[in-house]
């Protein structure tokens, strides 16, 4: 039994094809402006936290959502 021939797709409307490619690369991220990115001082001994728990949770959500390694996630979030 032979394999069926692969389907060939032909693009007829190039302007809409290029527009859809540009839209596919678009990303909109909304953050709550009231969210505290930096942690409040705890008053305990030792090194204080730099970022709040909500900020860390947002970064880890982006990490899992896009399947990024941690270093790429920190660079991505820093660019936002």
PDB file of N, CA and C in Angstrom:
ATOM      1  N   UNK A   1       0.844  -1.166   0.000  1.00  0.00           N
ATOM      2  CA  UNK A   1       0.000   0.000   0.000  1.00  0.00           C
ATOM      3  C   UNK A   1       0.900   1.243   0.000  1.00  0.00           C
ATOM      4  N   UNK A   2       0.695   2.137  -0.925  1.00  0.00           N
ATOM      5  CA  UNK A   2       1.528   3.338  -1.028  1.00  0.00           C
ATOM      6  C   UNK A   2       0.926   4.478  -0.207  1.00  0.00           C
ATOM      7  N   UNK A   3       1.793   5.415   0.158  1.00  0.00           N
ATOM      8  CA  UNK A   3       1.350   6.575   0.923  1.00  0.00           C
ATOM      9  C   UNK A   3       0.585   7.530   0.002  1.00  0.00           C
ATOM     10  N   UNK A   4      -0.409   8.215   0.555  1.00  0.00           N
ATOM     11  CA  UNK A   4      -1.095   9.212  -0.266  1.00  0.00           C
ATOM     12  C   UNK A   4      -0.173  10.414  -0.505  1.00  0.00           C
ATOM     13  N   UNK A   5      -0.385  11.081  -1.595  1.00  0.00           N
ATOM     14  CA  UNK A   5       0.436  12.246  -1.926  1.00  0.00           C
ATOM     15  C   UNK A   5       0.163  13.367  -0.920  1.00  0.00           C
ATOM     16  N   UNK A   6       1.215  14.063  -0.456  1.00  0.00           N
ATOM     17  CA  UNK A   6       0.990  15.154   0.501  1.00  0.00           C
ATOM     18  C   UNK A   6       0.212  16.301  -0.150  1.00  0.00           C
ATOM     19  N   UNK A   7      -0.599  16.943   0.656  1.00  0.00           N
ATOM     20  CA  UNK A   7      -1.410  18.046   0.165  1.00  0.00           C
ATOM     21  C   UNK A   7      -0.537  19.267  -0.070  1.00  0.00           C
ATOM     22  N   UNK A   8      -0.678  19.900  -1.217  1.00  0.00           N
ATOM     23  CA  UNK A   8       0.047  21.130  -1.517  1.00  0.00           C
ATOM     24  C   UNK A   8      -0.892  22.297  -1.334  1.00  0.00           C
ATOM     25  N   UNK A   9      -0.447  23.250  -0.544  1.00  0.00           N
ATOM     26  CA  UNK A   9      -1.238  24.450  -0.331  1.00  0.00           C
ATOM     27  C   UNK A   9      -0.651  25.578  -1.172  1.00  0.00           C
ATOM     28  N   UNK A  10      -1.507  26.306  -1.833  1.00  0.00           N
ATOM     29  CA  UNK A  10      -1.059  27.419  -2.654  1.00  0.00           C
ATOM     30  C   UNK A  10      -1.619  28.709  -2.072  1.00  0.00           C
ATOM     31  N   UNK A  11      -0.743  29.672  -1.888  1.00  0.00           N
ATOM     32  CA  UNK A  11      -1.160  30.965  -1.369  1.00  0.00           C
ATOM     33  C   UNK A  11      -1.560  31.855  -2.530  1.00  0.00           C
ATOM     34  N   UNK A  12      -2.791  32.327  -2.497  1.00  0.00           N
ATOM     35  CA  UNK A  12      -3.295  33.165  -3.571  1.00  0.00           C
ATOM     36  C   UNK A  12      -3.349  34.639  -3.162  1.00  0.00           C
ATOM     37  N   UNK A  13      -3.570  34.897  -1.880  1.00  0.00           N
ATOM     38  CA  UNK A  13      -3.691  36.270  -1.407  1.00  0.00           C
ATOM     39  C   UNK A  13      -2.481  36.575  -0.521  1.00  0.00           C
ATOM     40  N   UNK A  14      -1.398  37.042  -1.133  1.00  0.00           N
ATOM     41  CA  UNK A  14      -0.148  37.231  -0.406  1.00  0.00           C
ATOM     42  C   UNK A  14      -0.232  38.354   0.625  1.00  0.00           C
ATOM     43  N   UNK A  15      -0.984  39.387   0.366  1.00  0.00           N
ATOM     44  CA  UNK A  15      -1.055  40.498   1.317  1.00  0.00           C
ATOM     45  C   UNK A  15      -1.689  40.058   2.633  1.00  0.00           C
ATOM     46  N   UNK A  16      -2.750  39.265   2.575  1.00  0.00           N
ATOM     47  CA  UNK A  16      -3.369  38.780   3.818  1.00  0.00           C
ATOM     48  C   UNK A  16      -2.488  37.724   4.487  1.00  0.00           C
ATOM     49  N   UNK A  17      -1.738  36.974   3.707  1.00  0.00           N
ATOM     50  CA  UNK A  17      -0.819  35.984   4.274  1.00  0.00           C
ATOM     51  C   UNK A  17       0.272  36.676   5.077  1.00  0.00           C
ATOM     52  N   UNK A  18       0.864  37.727   4.520  1.00  0.00           N
ATOM     53  CA  UNK A  18       1.912  38.457   5.234  1.00  0.00           C
ATOM     54  C   UNK A  18       1.347  39.169   6.455  1.00  0.00           C
ATOM     55  N   UNK A  19       0.138  39.684   6.358  1.00  0.00           N
ATOM     56  CA  UNK A  19      -0.499  40.337   7.508  1.00  0.00           C
ATOM     57  C   UNK A  19      -0.738  39.338   8.631  1.00  0.00           C
ATOM     58  N   UNK A  20      -1.131  38.126   8.290  1.00  0.00           N
ATOM     59  CA  UNK A  20      -1.360  37.117   9.326  1.00  0.00           C
ATOM     60  C   UNK A  20      -0.052  36.698   9.980  1.00  0.00           C
ATOM     61  N   UNK A  21       1.043  36.674   9.218  1.00  0.00           N
ATOM     62  CA  UNK A  21       2.342  36.367   9.815  1.00  0.00           C
ATOM     63  C   UNK A  21       2.769  37.458  10.788  1.00  0.00           C
ATOM     64  N   UNK A  22       2.514  38.715  10.451  1.00  0.00           N
ATOM     65  CA  UNK A  22       2.859  39.810  11.361  1.00  0.00           C
ATOM     66  C   UNK A  22       2.014  39.739  12.630  1.00  0.00           C
ATOM     67  N   UNK A  23       0.750  39.413  12.514  1.00  0.00           N
ATOM     68  CA  UNK A  23      -0.121  39.318  13.684  1.00  0.00           C
ATOM     69  C   UNK A  23       0.273  38.151  14.579  1.00  0.00           C
ATOM     70  N   UNK A  24       0.759  37.086  13.988  1.00  0.00           N
ATOM     71  CA  UNK A  24       1.145  35.915  14.771  1.00  0.00           C
ATOM     72  C   UNK A  24       2.323  36.232  15.681  1.00  0.00           C
ATOM     73  N   UNK A  25       3.179  37.162  15.282  1.00  0.00           N
ATOM     74  CA  UNK A  25       4.322  37.546  16.102  1.00  0.00           C
ATOM     75  C   UNK A  25       3.987  38.594  17.134  1.00  0.00           C
ATOM     76  N   UNK A  26       2.748  39.040  17.183  1.00  0.00           N
ATOM     77  CA  UNK A  26       2.338  40.082  18.116  1.00  0.00           C
ATOM     78  C   UNK A  26       2.016  39.473  19.481  1.00  0.00           C
ATOM     79  N   UNK A  27       2.406  40.186  20.532  1.00  0.00           N
ATOM     80  CA  UNK A  27       2.155  39.714  21.891  1.00  0.00           C
ATOM     81  C   UNK A  27       1.743  40.900  22.744  1.00  0.00           C
ATOM     82  N   UNK A  28       0.635  40.772  23.433  1.00  0.00           N
ATOM     83  CA  UNK A  28       0.170  41.804  24.347  1.00  0.00           C
ATOM     84  C   UNK A  28       0.120  41.206  25.749  1.00  0.00           C
ATOM     85  N   UNK A  29       0.804  41.863  26.681  1.00  0.00           N
ATOM     86  CA  UNK A  29       0.827  41.407  28.071  1.00  0.00           C
ATOM     87  C   UNK A  29       0.300  42.543  28.926  1.00  0.00           C
ATOM     88  N   UNK A  30      -0.684  42.252  29.749  1.00  0.00           N
ATOM     89  CA  UNK A  30      -1.251  43.258  30.642  1.00  0.00           C
ATOM     90  C   UNK A  30      -0.851  42.930  32.061  1.00  0.00           C
ATOM     91  N   UNK A  31      -0.325  43.935  32.744  1.00  0.00           N
ATOM     92  CA  UNK A  31      -0.005  43.806  34.163  1.00  0.00           C
ATOM     93  C   UNK A  31      -0.853  44.793  34.942  1.00  0.00           C
ATOM     94  N   UNK A  32      -1.218  44.410  36.144  1.00  0.00           N
ATOM     95  CA  UNK A  32      -1.965  45.291  37.022  1.00  0.00           C
ATOM     96  C   UNK A  32      -1.035  46.413  37.478  1.00  0.00           C
ATOM     97  N   UNK A  33      -1.383  47.677  37.225  1.00  0.00           N
ATOM     98  CA  UNK A  33      -0.479  48.762  37.615  1.00  0.00           C
ATOM     99  C   UNK A  33      -0.319  48.880  39.133  1.00  0.00           C
ATOM    100  N   UNK A  34      -1.243  48.317  39.884  1.00  0.00           N
ATOM    101  CA  UNK A  34      -1.150  48.391  41.334  1.00  0.00           C
ATOM    102  C   UNK A  34      -0.321  47.283  41.961  1.00  0.00           C
ATOM    103  N   UNK A  35       0.164  46.346  41.125  1.00  0.00           N
ATOM    104  CA  UNK A  35       0.931  45.226  41.668  1.00  0.00           C
ATOM    105  C   UNK A  35       2.308  45.705  42.123  1.00  0.00           C
ATOM    106  N   UNK A  36       2.696  45.293  43.318  1.00  0.00           N
ATOM    107  CA  UNK A  36       4.002  45.669  43.857  1.00  0.00           C
ATOM    108  C   UNK A  36       5.049  44.676  43.352  1.00  0.00           C
ATOM    109  N   UNK A  37       6.011  45.168  42.568  1.00  0.00           N
ATOM    110  CA  UNK A  37       7.055  44.292  42.043  1.00  0.00           C
ATOM    111  C   UNK A  37       8.137  44.046  43.075  1.00  0.00           C
ATOM    112  N   UNK A  38       8.417  45.054  43.885  1.00  0.00           N
ATOM    113  CA  UNK A  38       9.469  44.909  44.895  1.00  0.00           C
ATOM    114  C   UNK A  38       8.839  44.527  46.226  1.00  0.00           C
ATOM    115  N   UNK A  39       9.528  43.645  46.948  1.00  0.00           N
ATOM    116  CA  UNK A  39       9.005  43.147  48.222  1.00  0.00           C
ATOM    117  C   UNK A  39       9.154  44.205  49.308  1.00  0.00           C
ATOM    118  N   UNK A  40       8.221  44.180  50.220  1.00  0.00           N
ATOM    119  CA  UNK A  40       8.285  45.073  51.377  1.00  0.00           C
ATOM    120  C   UNK A  40       9.329  44.537  52.353  1.00  0.00           C
ATOM    121  N   UNK A  41      10.000  45.400  53.087  1.00  0.00           N
ATOM    122  CA  UNK A  41      10.987  44.921  54.068  1.00  0.00           C
ATOM    123  C   UNK A  41      10.313  44.067  55.138  1.00  0.00           C
ATOM    124  N   UNK A  42      10.963  42.964  55.485  1.00  0.00           N
ATOM    125  CA  UNK A  42      10.360  42.039  56.444  1.00  0.00           C
ATOM    126  C   UNK A  42      10.718  42.376  57.882  1.00  0.00           C
ATOM    127  N   UNK A  43      11.811  43.094  58.089  1.00  0.00           N
ATOM    128  CA  UNK A  43      12.222  43.449  59.450  1.00  0.00           C
ATOM    129  C   UNK A  43      12.994  42.346  60.147  1.00  0.00           C
ATOM    130  N   UNK A  44      13.253  41.237  59.447  1.00  0.00           N
ATOM    131  CA  UNK A  44      13.999  40.127  60.037  1.00  0.00           C
ATOM    132  C   UNK A  44      15.464  40.231  59.645  1.00  0.00           C
ATOM    133  N   UNK A  45      16.299  39.478  60.338  1.00  0.00           N
ATOM    134  CA  UNK A  45      17.714  39.454  59.995  1.00  0.00           C
ATOM    135  C   UNK A  45      17.932  38.683  58.705  1.00  0.00           C
ATOM    136  N   UNK A  46      19.049  38.987  58.057  1.00  0.00           N
ATOM    137  CA  UNK A  46      19.375  38.291  56.828  1.00  0.00           C
ATOM    138  C   UNK A  46      19.032  39.134  55.615  1.00  0.00           C
ATOM    139  N   UNK A  47      19.291  38.558  54.478  1.00  0.00           N
ATOM    140  CA  UNK A  47      19.050  39.282  53.230  1.00  0.00           C
ATOM    141  C   UNK A  47      17.554  39.442  53.000  1.00  0.00           C
ATOM    142  N   UNK A  48      17.172  40.632  52.607  1.00  0.00           N
ATOM    143  CA  UNK A  48      15.767  40.922  52.342  1.00  0.00           C
ATOM    144  C   UNK A  48      15.392  40.423  50.956  1.00  0.00           C
ATOM    145  N   UNK A  49      14.118  40.134  50.769  1.00  0.00           N
ATOM    146  CA  UNK A  49      13.618  39.729  49.459  1.00  0.00           C
ATOM    147  C   UNK A  49      13.702  40.905  48.505  1.00  0.00           C
ATOM    148  N   UNK A  50      14.022  40.614  47.235  1.00  0.00           N
ATOM    149  CA  UNK A  50      14.097  41.667  46.225  1.00  0.00           C
ATOM    150  C   UNK A  50      12.742  41.869  45.566  1.00  0.00           C
ATOM    151  N   UNK A  51      12.105  40.779  45.152  1.00  0.00           N
ATOM    152  CA  UNK A  51      10.830  40.865  44.444  1.00  0.00           C
ATOM    153  C   UNK A  51       9.714  40.261  45.272  1.00  0.00           C
ATOM    154  N   UNK A  52       8.499  40.733  45.024  1.00  0.00           N
ATOM    155  CA  UNK A  52       7.342  40.234  45.757  1.00  0.00           C
ATOM    156  C   UNK A  52       6.947  38.853  45.252  1.00  0.00           C
ATOM    157  N   UNK A  53       6.149  38.169  46.046  1.00  0.00           N
ATOM    158  CA  UNK A  53       5.673  36.841  45.645  1.00  0.00           C
ATOM    159  C   UNK A  53       4.813  36.909  44.386  1.00  0.00           C
ATOM    160  N   UNK A  54       4.033  37.982  44.229  1.00  0.00           N
ATOM    161  CA  UNK A  54       3.190  38.137  43.035  1.00  0.00           C
ATOM    162  C   UNK A  54       4.042  38.307  41.781  1.00  0.00           C
ATOM    163  N   UNK A  55       5.151  39.034  41.892  1.00  0.00           N
ATOM    164  CA  UNK A  55       6.042  39.220  40.741  1.00  0.00           C
ATOM    165  C   UNK A  55       6.705  37.902  40.352  1.00  0.00           C
ATOM    166  N   UNK A  56       7.130  37.126  41.331  1.00  0.00           N
ATOM    167  CA  UNK A  56       7.752  35.826  41.052  1.00  0.00           C
ATOM    168  C   UNK A  56       6.740  34.885  40.427  1.00  0.00           C
ATOM    169  N   UNK A  57       5.505  34.913  40.913  1.00  0.00           N
ATOM    170  CA  UNK A  57       4.456  34.064  40.352  1.00  0.00           C
ATOM    171  C   UNK A  57       4.161  34.445  38.904  1.00  0.00           C
ATOM    172  N   UNK A  58       4.161  35.738  38.596  1.00  0.00           N
ATOM    173  CA  UNK A  58       3.923  36.188  37.221  1.00  0.00           C
ATOM    174  C   UNK A  58       5.040  35.708  36.296  1.00  0.00           C
ATOM    175  N   UNK A  59       6.283  35.793  36.760  1.00  0.00           N
ATOM    176  CA  UNK A  59       7.423  35.348  35.948  1.00  0.00           C
ATOM    177  C   UNK A  59       7.376  33.839  35.714  1.00  0.00           C
ATOM    178  N   UNK A  60       7.050  33.081  36.733  1.00  0.00           N
ATOM    179  CA  UNK A  60       6.982  31.628  36.578  1.00  0.00           C
ATOM    180  C   UNK A  60       5.819  31.219  35.671  1.00  0.00           C
ATOM    181  N   UNK A  61       4.729  31.987  35.702  1.00  0.00           N
ATOM    182  CA  UNK A  61       3.615  31.710  34.801  1.00  0.00           C
ATOM    183  C   UNK A  61       4.040  31.915  33.355  1.00  0.00           C
ATOM    184  N   UNK A  62       4.772  32.996  33.082  1.00  0.00           N
ATOM    185  CA  UNK A  62       5.274  33.247  31.721  1.00  0.00           C
ATOM    186  C   UNK A  62       6.242  32.153  31.313  1.00  0.00           C
ATOM    187  N   UNK A  63       7.070  31.704  32.247  1.00  0.00           N
ATOM    188  CA  UNK A  63       8.045  30.639  31.977  1.00  0.00           C
ATOM    189  C   UNK A  63       7.342  29.368  31.511  1.00  0.00           C
ATOM    190  N   UNK A  64       6.307  28.965  32.238  1.00  0.00           N
ATOM    191  CA  UNK A  64       5.592  27.734  31.909  1.00  0.00           C
ATOM    192  C   UNK A  64       4.755  27.915  30.640  1.00  0.00           C
ATOM    193  N   UNK A  65       4.156  29.093  30.484  1.00  0.00           N
ATOM    194  CA  UNK A  65       3.289  29.347  29.339  1.00  0.00           C
ATOM    195  C   UNK A  65       4.041  29.239  28.019  1.00  0.00           C
ATOM    196  N   UNK A  66       5.266  29.787  27.977  1.00  0.00           N
ATOM    197  CA  UNK A  66       6.041  29.779  26.747  1.00  0.00           C
ATOM    198  C   UNK A  66       7.088  28.679  26.712  1.00  0.00           C
ATOM    199  N   UNK A  67       7.239  27.910  27.775  1.00  0.00           N
ATOM    200  CA  UNK A  67       8.214  26.821  27.804  1.00  0.00           C
ATOM    201  C   UNK A  67       9.648  27.322  27.726  1.00  0.00           C
ATOM    202  N   UNK A  68       9.941  28.401  28.430  1.00  0.00           N
ATOM    203  CA  UNK A  68      11.268  29.005  28.379  1.00  0.00           C
ATOM    204  C   UNK A  68      12.139  28.525  29.537  1.00  0.00           C
ATOM    205  N   UNK A  69      13.449  28.467  29.325  1.00  0.00           N
ATOM    206  CA  UNK A  69      14.352  28.265  30.459  1.00  0.00           C
ATOM    207  C   UNK A  69      14.335  29.506  31.352  1.00  0.00           C
ATOM    208  N   UNK A  70      14.830  29.366  32.574  1.00  0.00           N
ATOM    209  CA  UNK A  70      14.731  30.445  33.551  1.00  0.00           C
ATOM    210  C   UNK A  70      15.491  31.695  33.112  1.00  0.00           C
ATOM    211  N   UNK A  71      16.679  31.535  32.527  1.00  0.00           N
ATOM    212  CA  UNK A  71      17.454  32.709  32.104  1.00  0.00           C
ATOM    213  C   UNK A  71      16.753  33.458  30.968  1.00  0.00           C
ATOM    214  N   UNK A  72      16.147  32.739  30.057  1.00  0.00           N
ATOM    215  CA  UNK A  72      15.410  33.410  28.988  1.00  0.00           C
ATOM    216  C   UNK A  72      14.170  34.109  29.541  1.00  0.00           C
ATOM    217  N   UNK A  73      13.562  33.524  30.565  1.00  0.00           N
ATOM    218  CA  UNK A  73      12.389  34.134  31.178  1.00  0.00           C
ATOM    219  C   UNK A  73      12.763  35.443  31.854  1.00  0.00           C
ATOM    220  N   UNK A  74      13.876  35.472  32.565  1.00  0.00           N
ATOM    221  CA  UNK A  74      14.280  36.710  33.228  1.00  0.00           C
ATOM    222  C   UNK A  74      14.593  37.799  32.203  1.00  0.00           C
ATOM    223  N   UNK A  75      15.214  37.439  31.094  1.00  0.00           N
ATOM    224  CA  UNK A  75      15.461  38.414  30.044  1.00  0.00           C
ATOM    225  C   UNK A  75      14.184  38.899  29.397  1.00  0.00           C
ATOM    226  N   UNK A  76      13.235  37.997  29.199  1.00  0.00           N
ATOM    227  CA  UNK A  76      11.958  38.358  28.594  1.00  0.00           C
ATOM    228  C   UNK A  76      11.190  39.320  29.506  1.00  0.00           C
ATOM    229  N   UNK A  77      11.133  39.014  30.801  1.00  0.00           N
ATOM    230  CA  UNK A  77      10.397  39.850  31.738  1.00  0.00           C
ATOM    231  C   UNK A  77      11.096  41.204  31.911  1.00  0.00           C
ATOM    232  N   UNK A  78      12.417  41.203  31.870  1.00  0.00           N
ATOM    233  CA  UNK A  78      13.150  42.472  31.977  1.00  0.00           C
ATOM    234  C   UNK A  78      12.860  43.372  30.776  1.00  0.00           C
ATOM    235  N   UNK A  79      12.595  42.782  29.611  1.00  0.00           N
ATOM    236  CA  UNK A  79      12.308  43.582  28.431  1.00  0.00           C
ATOM    237  C   UNK A  79      10.887  44.157  28.461  1.00  0.00           C
ATOM    238  N   UNK A  80      10.030  43.607  29.302  1.00  0.00           N
ATOM    239  CA  UNK A  80       8.673  44.129  29.393  1.00  0.00           C
ATOM    240  C   UNK A  80       8.706  45.403  30.197  1.00  0.00           C
TER     241      UNK A  80
END
